[in-house]
Amino acid sequence: MQAGSQISVPPVSQGVLRILVLLGSAFVLEVIAGSMGTNLSPLALHFGQNFHPAQILTHIFVTDPRPGAHFLGRLISVFFEGVIIYGFGSQLEMLWGRRHFLKYFLISLLGGVLVWAAVGSVLPVAVWGMGAGIAGMLIAYAVIWPDRQVLLFFVFPVKMKWL
């Protein structure tokens, strides 16, 4: 980084806090259910015979429903999802307001379902997590602030337009 560069830490906004509480709560419930031997695979979004309309919503709150999924891997995934949601989402929410931000996040999540539906017959894999909402947030952030630098992997400064 250049001399004089600063790392700015945005305040946690209410909408982002709600998403983070949902993410953390879902993770804790998933760990508890998994420790009791509950198969969470039906909650992920499946293509074909295993599809159920409720999966459009349930897949968002599952970190890794595969039996025997490694706890540490899921924890790291949830941690980084939370960091990204906090870091980028708080700034978007400050700009747009809570209602518009949460609406955009939900539309991004549902947009991920549409993309999955379009490619699901070619690549029939189960989908889970908040990845589509996070991708939507990153795209919006890059469009609004293309020249803003972020630290890729907490080390490498990169402009948003190159991510």
Protein backbone atom coordinates (compact mmCIF):
# COMPACT_ATOMS: atom_id res chain seq x y z
CA MET A 1 0.00 0.00 0.00
CA GLN A 2 1.06 3.59 -0.51
CA ALA A 3 2.27 5.71 2.36
CA GLY A 4 -0.63 7.52 3.94
CA SER A 5 -3.25 5.01 2.83
CA GLN A 6 -5.97 4.33 5.33
CA ILE A 7 -8.29 1.45 5.89
CA SER A 8 -11.80 2.70 6.53
CA VAL A 9 -14.14 0.66 8.67
CA PRO A 10 -17.81 1.45 8.09
CA PRO A 11 -20.30 1.35 10.95
CA VAL A 12 -22.60 -1.67 11.07
CA SER A 13 -25.91 -0.59 9.58
CA GLN A 14 -29.27 -2.01 10.68
CA GLY A 15 -30.02 -3.91 7.47
CA VAL A 16 -26.56 -5.46 7.40
CA LEU A 17 -26.88 -6.35 11.07
CA ARG A 18 -30.14 -8.17 10.31
CA ILE A 19 -28.51 -10.15 7.50
CA LEU A 20 -25.53 -11.01 9.72
CA VAL A 21 -27.81 -12.16 12.54
CA LEU A 22 -29.72 -14.36 10.07
CA LEU A 23 -26.46 -15.76 8.69
CA GLY A 24 -25.04 -16.48 12.15
CA SER A 25 -28.29 -17.93 13.50
CA ALA A 26 -28.72 -20.16 10.47
CA PHE A 27 -25.15 -21.39 10.88
CA VAL A 28 -25.65 -22.23 14.57
CA LEU A 29 -28.92 -24.05 13.83
CA GLU A 30 -27.25 -25.93 10.99
CA VAL A 31 -24.39 -27.04 13.26
CA ILE A 32 -26.85 -28.18 15.94
CA ALA A 33 -29.04 -30.02 13.42
CA GLY A 34 -25.99 -31.61 11.80
CA SER A 35 -24.65 -32.79 15.15
CA MET A 36 -27.97 -34.56 15.72
CA GLY A 37 -27.61 -36.39 12.40
CA THR A 38 -30.19 -34.34 10.50
CA ASN A 39 -29.77 -34.42 6.72
CA LEU A 40 -29.92 -30.81 5.54
CA SER A 41 -29.46 -31.59 1.83
CA PRO A 42 -33.18 -31.16 1.06
CA LEU A 43 -32.83 -27.49 2.09
CA ALA A 44 -30.35 -26.75 -0.70
CA LEU A 45 -31.61 -25.74 -4.14
CA HIS A 46 -31.78 -28.83 -6.37
CA PHE A 47 -32.56 -29.24 -10.05
CA GLY A 48 -35.02 -31.80 -11.37
CA GLN A 49 -36.76 -34.39 -9.22
CA ASN A 50 -35.26 -33.18 -5.95
CA PHE A 51 -36.54 -29.62 -6.45
CA HIS A 52 -39.12 -28.27 -4.03
CA PRO A 53 -40.42 -24.65 -4.22
CA ALA A 54 -39.50 -24.01 -0.56
CA GLN A 55 -35.84 -24.48 -1.53
CA ILE A 56 -35.96 -21.07 -3.22
CA LEU A 57 -35.86 -19.60 0.29
CA THR A 58 -34.30 -22.35 2.40
CA HIS A 59 -31.11 -22.62 0.33
CA ILE A 60 -30.15 -19.08 1.38
CA PHE A 61 -29.71 -20.10 5.01
CA VAL A 62 -27.67 -23.27 4.50
CA THR A 63 -23.86 -23.03 4.49
CA ASP A 64 -23.05 -26.59 3.38
CA PRO A 65 -25.74 -29.25 3.67
CA ARG A 66 -23.60 -32.17 2.54
CA PRO A 67 -23.39 -34.93 5.13
CA GLY A 68 -20.01 -34.81 6.83
CA ALA A 69 -19.22 -31.26 5.69
CA HIS A 70 -16.22 -30.04 7.65
CA PHE A 71 -17.12 -27.62 10.46
CA LEU A 72 -14.02 -25.45 10.09
CA GLY A 73 -14.60 -25.01 6.36
CA ARG A 74 -18.19 -23.94 6.96
CA LEU A 75 -17.11 -21.58 9.76
CA ILE A 76 -14.50 -19.93 7.53
CA SER A 77 -17.08 -19.59 4.75
CA VAL A 78 -19.60 -17.93 7.08
CA PHE A 79 -16.88 -15.65 8.49
CA PHE A 80 -15.82 -14.36 5.06
CA GLU A 81 -19.43 -14.02 3.89
CA GLY A 82 -20.04 -11.92 7.00
CA VAL A 83 -16.96 -9.76 6.40
CA ILE A 84 -18.00 -9.09 2.80
CA ILE A 85 -21.62 -8.36 3.73
CA TYR A 86 -20.44 -6.00 6.49
CA GLY A 87 -17.73 -4.23 4.50
CA PHE A 88 -19.62 -3.64 1.28
CA GLY A 89 -23.23 -3.86 2.43
CA SER A 90 -22.93 -1.20 5.14
CA GLN A 91 -21.73 1.37 2.63
CA LEU A 92 -24.45 0.48 0.12
CA GLU A 93 -27.07 0.70 2.85
CA MET A 94 -25.79 4.12 3.94
CA LEU A 95 -26.14 5.31 0.34
CA TRP A 96 -29.50 3.67 -0.50
CA GLY A 97 -31.23 3.36 2.84
CA ARG A 98 -32.20 0.16 4.64
CA ARG A 99 -35.34 -0.66 2.70
CA HIS A 100 -33.77 -0.27 -0.75
CA PHE A 101 -30.63 -2.15 0.30
CA LEU A 102 -32.54 -5.13 1.73
CA LYS A 103 -34.79 -5.20 -1.33
CA TYR A 104 -31.72 -5.20 -3.61
CA PHE A 105 -30.10 -7.99 -1.59
CA LEU A 106 -33.26 -10.12 -1.82
CA ILE A 107 -33.60 -9.46 -5.56
CA SER A 108 -29.94 -10.50 -5.99
CA LEU A 109 -30.62 -13.73 -4.09
CA LEU A 110 -33.65 -14.46 -6.26
CA GLY A 111 -31.66 -13.50 -9.37
CA GLY A 112 -29.23 -16.24 -8.40
CA VAL A 113 -32.14 -18.68 -8.43
CA LEU A 114 -32.99 -17.59 -11.99
CA VAL A 115 -29.38 -18.04 -13.13
CA TRP A 116 -29.35 -21.45 -11.46
CA ALA A 117 -32.62 -22.35 -13.23
CA ALA A 118 -31.10 -21.35 -16.58
CA VAL A 119 -27.96 -23.47 -16.18
CA GLY A 120 -29.34 -26.18 -13.90
CA SER A 121 -30.10 -28.61 -16.70
CA VAL A 122 -26.54 -28.30 -18.05
CA LEU A 123 -24.83 -28.28 -14.67
CA PRO A 124 -27.18 -30.11 -12.29
CA VAL A 125 -25.64 -29.28 -8.92
CA ALA A 126 -27.20 -28.25 -5.64
CA VAL A 127 -26.84 -24.60 -4.66
CA TRP A 128 -26.79 -23.10 -1.17
CA GLY A 129 -25.78 -19.95 0.68
CA MET A 130 -25.92 -16.20 0.21
CA GLY A 131 -23.45 -16.13 -2.68
CA ALA A 132 -25.85 -14.57 -5.18
CA GLY A 133 -26.75 -11.77 -2.77
CA ILE A 134 -23.08 -11.15 -2.08
CA ALA A 135 -22.28 -11.15 -5.82
CA GLY A 136 -25.08 -8.64 -6.38
CA MET A 137 -23.67 -6.43 -3.63
CA LEU A 138 -20.16 -6.56 -5.09
CA ILE A 139 -21.47 -5.70 -8.56
CA ALA A 140 -23.44 -2.72 -7.23
CA TYR A 141 -20.44 -1.53 -5.22
CA ALA A 142 -18.16 -1.79 -8.28
CA VAL A 143 -20.64 0.11 -10.46
CA ILE A 144 -21.09 2.91 -7.90
CA TRP A 145 -17.44 3.17 -6.81
CA PRO A 146 -15.32 1.67 -9.64
CA ASP A 147 -12.09 3.42 -8.62
CA ARG A 148 -12.34 2.66 -4.91
CA GLN A 149 -9.53 0.38 -3.73
CA VAL A 150 -10.16 -2.69 -1.61
CA LEU A 151 -7.70 -5.16 -0.16
CA LEU A 152 -7.98 -8.49 -1.96
CA PHE A 153 -7.24 -11.25 0.56
CA PHE A 154 -6.63 -8.43 3.07
CA VAL A 155 -3.27 -7.77 1.37
CA PHE A 156 -3.40 -6.73 -2.30
CA PRO A 157 -4.90 -3.31 -3.15
CA VAL A 158 -7.22 -3.65 -6.16
CA LYS A 159 -9.70 -1.22 -7.68
CA MET A 160 -13.28 -2.46 -7.61
CA LYS A 161 -13.62 -2.21 -11.39
CA TRP A 162 -11.01 -4.97 -11.75
CA LEU A 163 -12.72 -7.47 -9.47
